Amino acid sequence: MAEDIIIPIVVFATIFGIFYVWIITRNKERMALIEKGADADIFFKKKQPSRDRRSTVLGLGIFLLGIALGIFTGAMTALYSMLPDGVAYSSMIILFGGLSLVIFYFIDKKMPGGKKE
């Protein structure tokens, strides 16, 4: 019965501790940079160009399409083969999800302003 009380307390204490350490460390870094006379612009994030957001949305869309095709193909594989359902679904989801990421890489590389290597 004590676990019902202790576990949530420990979880919230851990989350609080992580955020506390993160904020304190960030504050110390900023104070050290200010003492050295660094420019304050490094504290503010610059907005992403619209091409980066468009590329991110395109990548997410292609990835979700690949996952959907994986689920569909997994269902067909489970129905028409002797593979167990879990194996058929998980293997097809991983296969089509990975293929969709590879396809997105090549599409993004060909887009204007795409990643050059």
PDB file of N, CA and C in Angstrom:
ATOM      1  N   MET A   1       0.814  -1.200   0.000  1.00  0.00           N
ATOM      2  CA  MET A   1       0.000   0.000   0.000  1.00  0.00           C
ATOM      3  C   MET A   1       0.860   1.267   0.000  1.00  0.00           C
ATOM      4  N   ALA A   2       2.026   1.175   0.595  1.00  0.00           N
ATOM      5  CA  ALA A   2       2.904   2.337   0.644  1.00  0.00           C
ATOM      6  C   ALA A   2       3.425   2.693  -0.746  1.00  0.00           C
ATOM      7  N   GLU A   3       3.514   1.685  -1.654  1.00  0.00           N
ATOM      8  CA  GLU A   3       3.981   1.952  -3.004  1.00  0.00           C
ATOM      9  C   GLU A   3       3.032   2.885  -3.746  1.00  0.00           C
ATOM     10  N   ASP A   4       1.744   2.795  -3.421  1.00  0.00           N
ATOM     11  CA  ASP A   4       0.759   3.654  -4.078  1.00  0.00           C
ATOM     12  C   ASP A   4       1.011   5.131  -3.794  1.00  0.00           C
ATOM     13  N   ILE A   5       1.633   5.415  -2.693  1.00  0.00           N
ATOM     14  CA  ILE A   5       1.920   6.803  -2.324  1.00  0.00           C
ATOM     15  C   ILE A   5       3.335   7.192  -2.716  1.00  0.00           C
ATOM     16  N   ILE A   6       4.290   6.291  -2.525  1.00  0.00           N
ATOM     17  CA  ILE A   6       5.699   6.618  -2.742  1.00  0.00           C
ATOM     18  C   ILE A   6       6.029   6.785  -4.224  1.00  0.00           C
ATOM     19  N   ILE A   7       5.479   5.940  -5.085  1.00  0.00           N
ATOM     20  CA  ILE A   7       5.840   5.987  -6.502  1.00  0.00           C
ATOM     21  C   ILE A   7       5.468   7.326  -7.144  1.00  0.00           C
ATOM     22  N   PRO A   8       4.255   7.852  -6.984  1.00  0.00           N
ATOM     23  CA  PRO A   8       3.974   9.166  -7.587  1.00  0.00           C
ATOM     24  C   PRO A   8       4.839  10.280  -7.009  1.00  0.00           C
ATOM     25  N   ILE A   9       5.135  10.198  -5.723  1.00  0.00           N
ATOM     26  CA  ILE A   9       5.990  11.222  -5.116  1.00  0.00           C
ATOM     27  C   ILE A   9       7.380  11.181  -5.735  1.00  0.00           C
ATOM     28  N   VAL A  10       7.933   9.987  -5.908  1.00  0.00           N
ATOM     29  CA  VAL A  10       9.264   9.851  -6.491  1.00  0.00           C
ATOM     30  C   VAL A  10       9.261  10.322  -7.945  1.00  0.00           C
ATOM     31  N   VAL A  11       8.222  10.001  -8.698  1.00  0.00           N
ATOM     32  CA  VAL A  11       8.145  10.431 -10.090  1.00  0.00           C
ATOM     33  C   VAL A  11       8.105  11.956 -10.189  1.00  0.00           C
ATOM     34  N   PHE A  12       7.243  12.589  -9.415  1.00  0.00           N
ATOM     35  CA  PHE A  12       7.160  14.051  -9.460  1.00  0.00           C
ATOM     36  C   PHE A  12       8.434  14.704  -8.933  1.00  0.00           C
ATOM     37  N   ALA A  13       9.053  14.114  -7.920  1.00  0.00           N
ATOM     38  CA  ALA A  13      10.313  14.658  -7.403  1.00  0.00           C
ATOM     39  C   ALA A  13      11.416  14.555  -8.450  1.00  0.00           C
ATOM     40  N   THR A  14      11.448  13.469  -9.189  1.00  0.00           N
ATOM     41  CA  THR A  14      12.452  13.299 -10.243  1.00  0.00           C
ATOM     42  C   THR A  14      12.245  14.315 -11.354  1.00  0.00           C
ATOM     43  N   ILE A  15      11.016  14.491 -11.788  1.00  0.00           N
ATOM     44  CA  ILE A  15      10.721  15.477 -12.841  1.00  0.00           C
ATOM     45  C   ILE A  15      11.090  16.878 -12.369  1.00  0.00           C
ATOM     46  N   PHE A  16      10.730  17.209 -11.130  1.00  0.00           N
ATOM     47  CA  PHE A  16      11.089  18.511 -10.574  1.00  0.00           C
ATOM     48  C   PHE A  16      12.599  18.677 -10.513  1.00  0.00           C
ATOM     49  N   GLY A  17      13.302  17.629 -10.088  1.00  0.00           N
ATOM     50  CA  GLY A  17      14.762  17.693  -9.985  1.00  0.00           C
ATOM     51  C   GLY A  17      15.420  17.914 -11.335  1.00  0.00           C
ATOM     52  N   ILE A  18      14.916  17.254 -12.367  1.00  0.00           N
ATOM     53  CA  ILE A  18      15.487  17.426 -13.701  1.00  0.00           C
ATOM     54  C   ILE A  18      15.297  18.864 -14.185  1.00  0.00           C
ATOM     55  N   PHE A  19      14.100  19.400 -14.027  1.00  0.00           N
ATOM     56  CA  PHE A  19      13.858  20.780 -14.453  1.00  0.00           C
ATOM     57  C   PHE A  19      14.654  21.775 -13.616  1.00  0.00           C
ATOM     58  N   TYR A  20      14.796  21.515 -12.335  1.00  0.00           N
ATOM     59  CA  TYR A  20      15.559  22.404 -11.454  1.00  0.00           C
ATOM     60  C   TYR A  20      17.021  22.453 -11.892  1.00  0.00           C
ATOM     61  N   VAL A  21      17.613  21.294 -12.126  1.00  0.00           N
ATOM     62  CA  VAL A  21      19.009  21.245 -12.548  1.00  0.00           C
ATOM     63  C   VAL A  21      19.172  21.912 -13.910  1.00  0.00           C
ATOM     64  N   TRP A  22      18.214  21.705 -14.819  1.00  0.00           N
ATOM     65  CA  TRP A  22      18.300  22.302 -16.140  1.00  0.00           C
ATOM     66  C   TRP A  22      18.255  23.827 -16.053  1.00  0.00           C
ATOM     67  N   ILE A  23      17.350  24.359 -15.238  1.00  0.00           N
ATOM     68  CA  ILE A  23      17.222  25.816 -15.113  1.00  0.00           C
ATOM     69  C   ILE A  23      18.446  26.413 -14.436  1.00  0.00           C
ATOM     70  N   ILE A  24      18.931  25.783 -13.384  1.00  0.00           N
ATOM     71  CA  ILE A  24      20.112  26.294 -12.677  1.00  0.00           C
ATOM     72  C   ILE A  24      21.337  26.276 -13.595  1.00  0.00           C
ATOM     73  N   THR A  25      21.520  25.197 -14.342  1.00  0.00           N
ATOM     74  CA  THR A  25      22.659  25.098 -15.256  1.00  0.00           C
ATOM     75  C   THR A  25      22.571  26.151 -16.351  1.00  0.00           C
ATOM     76  N   ARG A  26      21.374  26.344 -16.892  1.00  0.00           N
ATOM     77  CA  ARG A  26      21.186  27.353 -17.930  1.00  0.00           C
ATOM     78  C   ARG A  26      21.497  28.751 -17.391  1.00  0.00           C
ATOM     79  N   ASN A  27      21.073  29.009 -16.163  1.00  0.00           N
ATOM     80  CA  ASN A  27      21.341  30.311 -15.546  1.00  0.00           C
ATOM     81  C   ASN A  27      22.841  30.523 -15.348  1.00  0.00           C
ATOM     82  N   LYS A  28      23.543  29.479 -14.899  1.00  0.00           N
ATOM     83  CA  LYS A  28      24.992  29.609 -14.699  1.00  0.00           C
ATOM     84  C   LYS A  28      25.716  29.838 -16.016  1.00  0.00           C
ATOM     85  N   GLU A  29      25.291  29.148 -17.068  1.00  0.00           N
ATOM     86  CA  GLU A  29      25.904  29.360 -18.385  1.00  0.00           C
ATOM     87  C   GLU A  29      25.696  30.791 -18.862  1.00  0.00           C
ATOM     88  N   ARG A  30      24.490  31.291 -18.691  1.00  0.00           N
ATOM     89  CA  ARG A  30      24.198  32.661 -19.126  1.00  0.00           C
ATOM     90  C   ARG A  30      24.999  33.681 -18.328  1.00  0.00           C
ATOM     91  N   MET A  31      25.098  33.464 -17.023  1.00  0.00           N
ATOM     92  CA  MET A  31      25.881  34.387 -16.188  1.00  0.00           C
ATOM     93  C   MET A  31      27.354  34.374 -16.585  1.00  0.00           C
ATOM     94  N   ALA A  32      27.887  33.192 -16.903  1.00  0.00           N
ATOM     95  CA  ALA A  32      29.289  33.106 -17.320  1.00  0.00           C
ATOM     96  C   ALA A  32      29.499  33.832 -18.646  1.00  0.00           C
ATOM     97  N   LEU A  33      28.553  33.700 -19.566  1.00  0.00           N
ATOM     98  CA  LEU A  33      28.688  34.401 -20.846  1.00  0.00           C
ATOM     99  C   LEU A  33      28.571  35.913 -20.671  1.00  0.00           C
ATOM    100  N   ILE A  34      27.689  36.339 -19.775  1.00  0.00           N
ATOM    101  CA  ILE A  34      27.534  37.772 -19.533  1.00  0.00           C
ATOM    102  C   ILE A  34      28.802  38.340 -18.902  1.00  0.00           C
ATOM    103  N   GLU A  35      29.401  37.588 -17.993  1.00  0.00           N
ATOM    104  CA  GLU A  35      30.636  38.055 -17.356  1.00  0.00           C
ATOM    105  C   GLU A  35      31.770  38.188 -18.369  1.00  0.00           C
ATOM    106  N   LYS A  36      31.779  37.315 -19.370  1.00  0.00           N
ATOM    107  CA  LYS A  36      32.816  37.393 -20.399  1.00  0.00           C
ATOM    108  C   LYS A  36      32.514  38.458 -21.437  1.00  0.00           C
ATOM    109  N   GLY A  37      31.307  39.007 -21.402  1.00  0.00           N
ATOM    110  CA  GLY A  37      30.938  40.062 -22.334  1.00  0.00           C
ATOM    111  C   GLY A  37      30.417  39.540 -23.660  1.00  0.00           C
ATOM    112  N   ALA A  38      29.875  38.336 -23.668  1.00  0.00           N
ATOM    113  CA  ALA A  38      29.346  37.761 -24.910  1.00  0.00           C
ATOM    114  C   ALA A  38      28.057  38.475 -25.304  1.00  0.00           C
ATOM    115  N   ASP A  39      27.712  38.339 -26.576  1.00  0.00           N
ATOM    116  CA  ASP A  39      26.522  38.972 -27.116  1.00  0.00           C
ATOM    117  C   ASP A  39      25.272  38.259 -26.587  1.00  0.00           C
ATOM    118  N   ALA A  40      24.243  39.007 -26.254  1.00  0.00           N
ATOM    119  CA  ALA A  40      23.016  38.438 -25.689  1.00  0.00           C
ATOM    120  C   ALA A  40      22.122  37.798 -26.738  1.00  0.00           C
ATOM    121  N   ASP A  41      22.440  37.954 -28.014  1.00  0.00           N
ATOM    122  CA  ASP A  41      21.605  37.364 -29.070  1.00  0.00           C
ATOM    123  C   ASP A  41      21.635  35.844 -29.070  1.00  0.00           C
ATOM    124  N   ILE A  42      22.649  35.248 -28.477  1.00  0.00           N
ATOM    125  CA  ILE A  42      22.718  33.791 -28.486  1.00  0.00           C
ATOM    126  C   ILE A  42      21.678  33.165 -27.558  1.00  0.00           C
ATOM    127  N   PHE A  43      21.056  33.959 -26.701  1.00  0.00           N
ATOM    128  CA  PHE A  43      20.039  33.428 -25.790  1.00  0.00           C
ATOM    129  C   PHE A  43      18.684  33.250 -26.472  1.00  0.00           C
ATOM    130  N   PHE A  44      18.483  33.897 -27.592  1.00  0.00           N
ATOM    131  CA  PHE A  44      17.191  33.859 -28.258  1.00  0.00           C
ATOM    132  C   PHE A  44      17.289  33.003 -29.502  1.00  0.00           C
ATOM    133  N   LYS A  45      16.323  32.120 -29.670  1.00  0.00           N
ATOM    134  CA  LYS A  45      16.299  31.255 -30.849  1.00  0.00           C
ATOM    135  C   LYS A  45      15.847  32.065 -32.055  1.00  0.00           C
ATOM    136  N   LYS A  46      16.472  31.781 -33.167  1.00  0.00           N
ATOM    137  CA  LYS A  46      16.065  32.426 -34.404  1.00  0.00           C
ATOM    138  C   LYS A  46      14.955  31.605 -35.031  1.00  0.00           C
ATOM    139  N   LYS A  47      14.023  32.285 -35.681  1.00  0.00           N
ATOM    140  CA  LYS A  47      12.920  31.588 -36.327  1.00  0.00           C
ATOM    141  C   LYS A  47      13.442  30.788 -37.511  1.00  0.00           C
ATOM    142  N   GLN A  48      12.852  29.610 -37.685  1.00  0.00           N
ATOM    143  CA  GLN A  48      13.235  28.777 -38.817  1.00  0.00           C
ATOM    144  C   GLN A  48      12.656  29.371 -40.090  1.00  0.00           C
ATOM    145  N   PRO A  49      13.392  29.270 -41.167  1.00  0.00           N
ATOM    146  CA  PRO A  49      12.810  29.691 -42.437  1.00  0.00           C
ATOM    147  C   PRO A  49      11.629  28.797 -42.794  1.00  0.00           C
ATOM    148  N   SER A  50      10.738  29.312 -43.615  1.00  0.00           N
ATOM    149  CA  SER A  50       9.529  28.560 -43.946  1.00  0.00           C
ATOM    150  C   SER A  50       9.857  27.269 -44.676  1.00  0.00           C
ATOM    151  N   ARG A  51      10.959  27.192 -45.390  1.00  0.00           N
ATOM    152  CA  ARG A  51      11.338  25.984 -46.095  1.00  0.00           C
ATOM    153  C   ARG A  51      11.604  24.857 -45.113  1.00  0.00           C
ATOM    154  N   ASP A  52      12.205  25.138 -43.966  1.00  0.00           N
ATOM    155  CA  ASP A  52      12.474  24.105 -42.983  1.00  0.00           C
ATOM    156  C   ASP A  52      11.176  23.547 -42.416  1.00  0.00           C
ATOM    157  N   ARG A  53      10.214  24.418 -42.140  1.00  0.00           N
ATOM    158  CA  ARG A  53       8.925  23.947 -41.628  1.00  0.00           C
ATOM    159  C   ARG A  53       8.189  23.131 -42.680  1.00  0.00           C
ATOM    160  N   ARG A  54       8.240  23.596 -43.912  1.00  0.00           N
ATOM    161  CA  ARG A  54       7.586  22.875 -44.999  1.00  0.00           C
ATOM    162  C   ARG A  54       8.217  21.503 -45.167  1.00  0.00           C
ATOM    163  N   SER A  55       9.530  21.437 -45.073  1.00  0.00           N
ATOM    164  CA  SER A  55      10.236  20.173 -45.191  1.00  0.00           C
ATOM    165  C   SER A  55       9.881  19.245 -44.034  1.00  0.00           C
ATOM    166  N   THR A  56       9.734  19.788 -42.840  1.00  0.00           N
ATOM    167  CA  THR A  56       9.375  18.985 -41.679  1.00  0.00           C
ATOM    168  C   THR A  56       7.972  18.413 -41.837  1.00  0.00           C
ATOM    169  N   VAL A  57       7.054  19.226 -42.305  1.00  0.00           N
ATOM    170  CA  VAL A  57       5.677  18.764 -42.497  1.00  0.00           C
ATOM    171  C   VAL A  57       5.624  17.709 -43.591  1.00  0.00           C
ATOM    172  N   LEU A  58       6.369  17.924 -44.669  1.00  0.00           N
ATOM    173  CA  LEU A  58       6.421  16.935 -45.738  1.00  0.00           C
ATOM    174  C   LEU A  58       6.993  15.614 -45.229  1.00  0.00           C
ATOM    175  N   GLY A  59       8.052  15.683 -44.453  1.00  0.00           N
ATOM    176  CA  GLY A  59       8.654  14.470 -43.900  1.00  0.00           C
ATOM    177  C   GLY A  59       7.705  13.731 -42.980  1.00  0.00           C
ATOM    178  N   LEU A  60       6.993  14.467 -42.145  1.00  0.00           N
ATOM    179  CA  LEU A  60       6.026  13.838 -41.246  1.00  0.00           C
ATOM    180  C   LEU A  60       4.900  13.195 -42.040  1.00  0.00           C
ATOM    181  N   GLY A  61       4.438  13.863 -43.075  1.00  0.00           N
ATOM    182  CA  GLY A  61       3.368  13.309 -43.898  1.00  0.00           C
ATOM    183  C   GLY A  61       3.787  12.034 -44.607  1.00  0.00           C
ATOM    184  N   ILE A  62       4.988  12.036 -45.173  1.00  0.00           N
ATOM    185  CA  ILE A  62       5.473  10.836 -45.857  1.00  0.00           C
ATOM    186  C   ILE A  62       5.673   9.707 -44.860  1.00  0.00           C
ATOM    187  N   PHE A  63       6.181  10.021 -43.680  1.00  0.00           N
ATOM    188  CA  PHE A  63       6.400   8.996 -42.656  1.00  0.00           C
ATOM    189  C   PHE A  63       5.076   8.384 -42.200  1.00  0.00           C
ATOM    190  N   LEU A  64       4.075   9.217 -41.942  1.00  0.00           N
ATOM    191  CA  LEU A  64       2.773   8.694 -41.519  1.00  0.00           C
ATOM    192  C   LEU A  64       2.109   7.884 -42.632  1.00  0.00           C
ATOM    193  N   LEU A  65       2.308   8.298 -43.882  1.00  0.00           N
ATOM    194  CA  LEU A  65       1.807   7.518 -45.007  1.00  0.00           C
ATOM    195  C   LEU A  65       2.483   6.153 -45.049  1.00  0.00           C
ATOM    196  N   GLY A  66       3.785   6.115 -44.796  1.00  0.00           N
ATOM    197  CA  GLY A  66       4.504   4.844 -44.757  1.00  0.00           C
ATOM    198  C   GLY A  66       4.021   3.947 -43.630  1.00  0.00           C
ATOM    199  N   ILE A  67       3.736   4.531 -42.475  1.00  0.00           N
ATOM    200  CA  ILE A  67       3.218   3.753 -41.352  1.00  0.00           C
ATOM    201  C   ILE A  67       1.841   3.189 -41.697  1.00  0.00           C
ATOM    202  N   ALA A  68       0.998   3.988 -42.321  1.00  0.00           N
ATOM    203  CA  ALA A  68      -0.335   3.512 -42.709  1.00  0.00           C
ATOM    204  C   ALA A  68      -0.231   2.371 -43.719  1.00  0.00           C
ATOM    205  N   LEU A  69       0.670   2.511 -44.702  1.00  0.00           N
ATOM    206  CA  LEU A  69       0.871   1.424 -45.662  1.00  0.00           C
ATOM    207  C   LEU A  69       1.411   0.179 -44.965  1.00  0.00           C
ATOM    208  N   GLY A  70       2.254   0.383 -43.954  1.00  0.00           N
ATOM    209  CA  GLY A  70       2.777  -0.741 -43.191  1.00  0.00           C
ATOM    210  C   GLY A  70       1.685  -1.468 -42.424  1.00  0.00           C
ATOM    211  N   ILE A  71       0.765  -0.723 -41.837  1.00  0.00           N
ATOM    212  CA  ILE A  71      -0.348  -1.344 -41.113  1.00  0.00           C
ATOM    213  C   ILE A  71      -1.231  -2.127 -42.080  1.00  0.00           C
ATOM    214  N   PHE A  72      -1.525  -1.533 -43.227  1.00  0.00           N
ATOM    215  CA  PHE A  72      -2.360  -2.208 -44.220  1.00  0.00           C
ATOM    216  C   PHE A  72      -1.675  -3.477 -44.730  1.00  0.00           C
ATOM    217  N   THR A  73      -0.398  -3.361 -45.080  1.00  0.00           N
ATOM    218  CA  THR A  73       0.334  -4.518 -45.579  1.00  0.00           C
ATOM    219  C   THR A  73       0.495  -5.572 -44.489  1.00  0.00           C
ATOM    220  N   GLY A  74       0.674  -5.145 -43.249  1.00  0.00           N
ATOM    221  CA  GLY A  74       0.753  -6.094 -42.136  1.00  0.00           C
ATOM    222  C   GLY A  74      -0.540  -6.863 -41.965  1.00  0.00           C
ATOM    223  N   ALA A  75      -1.663  -6.183 -42.140  1.00  0.00           N
ATOM    224  CA  ALA A  75      -2.956  -6.863 -42.034  1.00  0.00           C
ATOM    225  C   ALA A  75      -3.121  -7.882 -43.154  1.00  0.00           C
ATOM    226  N   MET A  76      -2.725  -7.501 -44.372  1.00  0.00           N
ATOM    227  CA  MET A  76      -2.815  -8.438 -45.493  1.00  0.00           C
ATOM    228  C   MET A  76      -1.865  -9.619 -45.305  1.00  0.00           C
ATOM    229  N   THR A  77      -0.671  -9.343 -44.798  1.00  0.00           N
ATOM    230  CA  THR A  77       0.302 -10.414 -44.559  1.00  0.00           C
ATOM    231  C   THR A  77      -0.199 -11.363 -43.486  1.00  0.00           C
ATOM    232  N   ALA A  78      -0.761 -10.818 -42.418  1.00  0.00           N
ATOM    233  CA  ALA A  78      -1.278 -11.668 -41.344  1.00  0.00           C
ATOM    234  C   ALA A  78      -2.467 -12.492 -41.823  1.00  0.00           C
ATOM    235  N   LEU A  79      -3.253 -11.925 -42.710  1.00  0.00           N
ATOM    236  CA  LEU A  79      -4.448 -12.620 -43.191  1.00  0.00           C
ATOM    237  C   LEU A  79      -4.110 -13.743 -44.168  1.00  0.00           C
ATOM    238  N   TYR A  80      -3.163 -13.489 -45.059  1.00  0.00           N
ATOM    239  CA  TYR A  80      -2.882 -14.437 -46.130  1.00  0.00           C
ATOM    240  C   TYR A  80      -1.620 -15.271 -45.932  1.00  0.00           C
ATOM    241  N   SER A  81      -0.964 -15.168 -44.798  1.00  0.00           N
ATOM    242  CA  SER A  81       0.218 -15.996 -44.550  1.00  0.00           C
ATOM    243  C   SER A  81       0.084 -16.676 -43.195  1.00  0.00           C
ATOM    244  N   MET A  82       1.069 -17.473 -42.879  1.00  0.00           N
ATOM    245  CA  MET A  82       1.035 -18.191 -41.605  1.00  0.00           C
ATOM    246  C   MET A  82       1.813 -17.453 -40.523  1.00  0.00           C
ATOM    247  N   LEU A  83       2.214 -16.204 -40.789  1.00  0.00           N
ATOM    248  CA  LEU A  83       2.922 -15.418 -39.780  1.00  0.00           C
ATOM    249  C   LEU A  83       1.963 -15.016 -38.666  1.00  0.00           C
ATOM    250  N   PRO A  84       2.460 -14.979 -37.429  1.00  0.00           N
ATOM    251  CA  PRO A  84       1.623 -14.451 -36.339  1.00  0.00           C
ATOM    252  C   PRO A  84       1.327 -12.971 -36.565  1.00  0.00           C
ATOM    253  N   ASP A  85       0.221 -12.518 -36.015  1.00  0.00           N
ATOM    254  CA  ASP A  85      -0.197 -11.127 -36.218  1.00  0.00           C
ATOM    255  C   ASP A  85       0.865 -10.123 -35.783  1.00  0.00           C
ATOM    256  N   GLY A  86       1.448 -10.344 -34.616  1.00  0.00           N
ATOM    257  CA  GLY A  86       2.438  -9.390 -34.094  1.00  0.00           C
ATOM    258  C   GLY A  86       3.642  -9.257 -34.997  1.00  0.00           C
ATOM    259  N   VAL A  87       4.113 -10.364 -35.524  1.00  0.00           N
ATOM    260  CA  VAL A  87       5.278 -10.336 -36.409  1.00  0.00           C
ATOM    261  C   VAL A  87       4.926  -9.646 -37.720  1.00  0.00           C
ATOM    262  N   ALA A  88       3.781  -9.981 -38.279  1.00  0.00           N
ATOM    263  CA  ALA A  88       3.381  -9.394 -39.558  1.00  0.00           C
ATOM    264  C   ALA A  88       3.213  -7.881 -39.437  1.00  0.00           C
ATOM    265  N   TYR A  89       2.495  -7.432 -38.416  1.00  0.00           N
ATOM    266  CA  TYR A  89       2.264  -5.991 -38.259  1.00  0.00           C
ATOM    267  C   TYR A  89       3.555  -5.247 -37.983  1.00  0.00           C
ATOM    268  N   SER A  90       4.316  -5.700 -36.996  1.00  0.00           N
ATOM    269  CA  SER A  90       5.511  -4.940 -36.607  1.00  0.00           C
ATOM    270  C   SER A  90       6.548  -4.918 -37.720  1.00  0.00           C
ATOM    271  N   SER A  91       6.735  -6.034 -38.431  1.00  0.00           N
ATOM    272  CA  SER A  91       7.740  -6.041 -39.487  1.00  0.00           C
ATOM    273  C   SER A  91       7.336  -5.121 -40.644  1.00  0.00           C
ATOM    274  N   MET A  92       6.075  -5.128 -41.015  1.00  0.00           N
ATOM    275  CA  MET A  92       5.643  -4.277 -42.121  1.00  0.00           C
ATOM    276  C   MET A  92       5.648  -2.802 -41.738  1.00  0.00           C
ATOM    277  N   ILE A  93       5.280  -2.479 -40.507  1.00  0.00           N
ATOM    278  CA  ILE A  93       5.306  -1.080 -40.061  1.00  0.00           C
ATOM    279  C   ILE A  93       6.729  -0.558 -40.069  1.00  0.00           C
ATOM    280  N   ILE A  94       7.668  -1.355 -39.563  1.00  0.00           N
ATOM    281  CA  ILE A  94       9.065  -0.918 -39.541  1.00  0.00           C
ATOM    282  C   ILE A  94       9.614  -0.812 -40.966  1.00  0.00           C
ATOM    283  N   LEU A  95       9.294  -1.786 -41.815  1.00  0.00           N
ATOM    284  CA  LEU A  95       9.774  -1.766 -43.195  1.00  0.00           C
ATOM    285  C   LEU A  95       9.266  -0.546 -43.947  1.00  0.00           C
ATOM    286  N   PHE A  96       7.962  -0.306 -43.920  1.00  0.00           N
ATOM    287  CA  PHE A  96       7.409   0.814 -44.677  1.00  0.00           C
ATOM    288  C   PHE A  96       7.732   2.159 -44.026  1.00  0.00           C
ATOM    289  N   GLY A  97       7.849   2.204 -42.712  1.00  0.00           N
ATOM    290  CA  GLY A  97       8.280   3.443 -42.064  1.00  0.00           C
ATOM    291  C   GLY A  97       9.693   3.813 -42.466  1.00  0.00           C
ATOM    292  N   GLY A  98      10.591   2.836 -42.498  1.00  0.00           N
ATOM    293  CA  GLY A  98      11.967   3.084 -42.934  1.00  0.00           C
ATOM    294  C   GLY A  98      12.052   3.471 -44.392  1.00  0.00           C
ATOM    295  N   LEU A  99      11.292   2.780 -45.237  1.00  0.00           N
ATOM    296  CA  LEU A  99      11.271   3.136 -46.660  1.00  0.00           C
ATOM    297  C   LEU A  99      10.767   4.558 -46.871  1.00  0.00           C
ATOM    298  N   SER A 100       9.765   4.955 -46.109  1.00  0.00           N
ATOM    299  CA  SER A 100       9.241   6.316 -46.265  1.00  0.00           C
ATOM    300  C   SER A 100      10.278   7.354 -45.857  1.00  0.00           C
ATOM    301  N   LEU A 101      11.085   7.058 -44.849  1.00  0.00           N
ATOM    302  CA  LEU A 101      12.133   8.003 -44.452  1.00  0.00           C
ATOM    303  C   LEU A 101      13.223   8.100 -45.520  1.00  0.00           C
ATOM    304  N   VAL A 102      13.558   6.979 -46.145  1.00  0.00           N
ATOM    305  CA  VAL A 102      14.545   7.002 -47.225  1.00  0.00           C
ATOM    306  C   VAL A 102      14.005   7.790 -48.421  1.00  0.00           C
ATOM    307  N   ILE A 103      12.751   7.576 -48.761  1.00  0.00           N
ATOM    308  CA  ILE A 103      12.128   8.322 -49.860  1.00  0.00           C
ATOM    309  C   ILE A 103      12.125   9.816 -49.557  1.00  0.00           C
ATOM    310  N   PHE A 104      11.782  10.178 -48.313  1.00  0.00           N
ATOM    311  CA  PHE A 104      11.788  11.590 -47.948  1.00  0.00           C
ATOM    312  C   PHE A 104      13.186  12.185 -48.053  1.00  0.00           C
ATOM    313  N   TYR A 105      14.209  11.422 -47.699  1.00  0.00           N
ATOM    314  CA  TYR A 105      15.581  11.921 -47.791  1.00  0.00           C
ATOM    315  C   TYR A 105      15.904  12.327 -49.223  1.00  0.00           C
ATOM    316  N   PHE A 106      15.559  11.462 -50.181  1.00  0.00           N
ATOM    317  CA  PHE A 106      15.862  11.774 -51.580  1.00  0.00           C
ATOM    318  C   PHE A 106      14.994  12.913 -52.110  1.00  0.00           C
ATOM    319  N   ILE A 107      13.751  13.004 -51.684  1.00  0.00           N
ATOM    320  CA  ILE A 107      12.892  14.116 -52.107  1.00  0.00           C
ATOM    321  C   ILE A 107      13.419  15.431 -51.541  1.00  0.00           C
ATOM    322  N   ASP A 108      13.806  15.428 -50.268  1.00  0.00           N
ATOM    323  CA  ASP A 108      14.297  16.638 -49.608  1.00  0.00           C
ATOM    324  C   ASP A 108      15.622  17.079 -50.215  1.00  0.00           C
ATOM    325  N   LYS A 109      16.425  16.139 -50.625  1.00  0.00           N
ATOM    326  CA  LYS A 109      17.716  16.460 -51.223  1.00  0.00           C
ATOM    327  C   LYS A 109      17.541  17.169 -52.564  1.00  0.00           C
ATOM    328  N   LYS A 110      16.473  16.828 -53.306  1.00  0.00           N
ATOM    329  CA  LYS A 110      16.239  17.429 -54.615  1.00  0.00           C
ATOM    330  C   LYS A 110      15.474  18.747 -54.539  1.00  0.00           C
ATOM    331  N   MET A 111      14.866  19.058 -53.388  1.00  0.00           N
ATOM    332  CA  MET A 111      14.116  20.312 -53.253  1.00  0.00           C
ATOM    333  C   MET A 111      15.058  21.497 -53.287  1.00  0.00           C
ATOM    334  N   PRO A 112      14.608  22.648 -53.793  1.00  0.00           N
ATOM    335  CA  PRO A 112      15.469  23.847 -53.778  1.00  0.00           C
ATOM    336  C   PRO A 112      15.835  24.202 -52.343  1.00  0.00           C
ATOM    337  N   GLY A 113      17.115  24.385 -52.098  1.00  0.00           N
ATOM    338  CA  GLY A 113      17.591  24.691 -50.760  1.00  0.00           C
ATOM    339  C   GLY A 113      17.676  23.445 -49.905  1.00  0.00           C
ATOM    340  N   GLY A 114      17.636  22.275 -50.519  1.00  0.00           N
ATOM    341  CA  GLY A 114      17.684  21.014 -49.788  1.00  0.00           C
ATOM    342  C   GLY A 114      19.068  20.759 -49.222  1.00  0.00           C
ATOM    343  N   LYS A 115      19.168  19.710 -48.461  1.00  0.00           N
ATOM    344  CA  LYS A 115      20.436  19.365 -47.823  1.00  0.00           C
ATOM    345  C   LYS A 115      21.399  18.853 -48.878  1.00  0.00           C
ATOM    346  N   LYS A 116      22.559  19.429 -48.907  1.00  0.00           N
ATOM    347  CA  LYS A 116      23.598  19.003 -49.847  1.00  0.00           C
ATOM    348  C   LYS A 116      24.677  18.255 -49.066  1.00  0.00           C
ATOM    349  N   GLU A 117      25.128  17.163 -49.648  1.00  0.00           N
ATOM    350  CA  GLU A 117      26.211  16.406 -49.002  1.00  0.00           C
ATOM    351  C   GLU A 117      27.294  16.122 -49.975  1.00  0.00           C
TER     352      GLU A 117
END
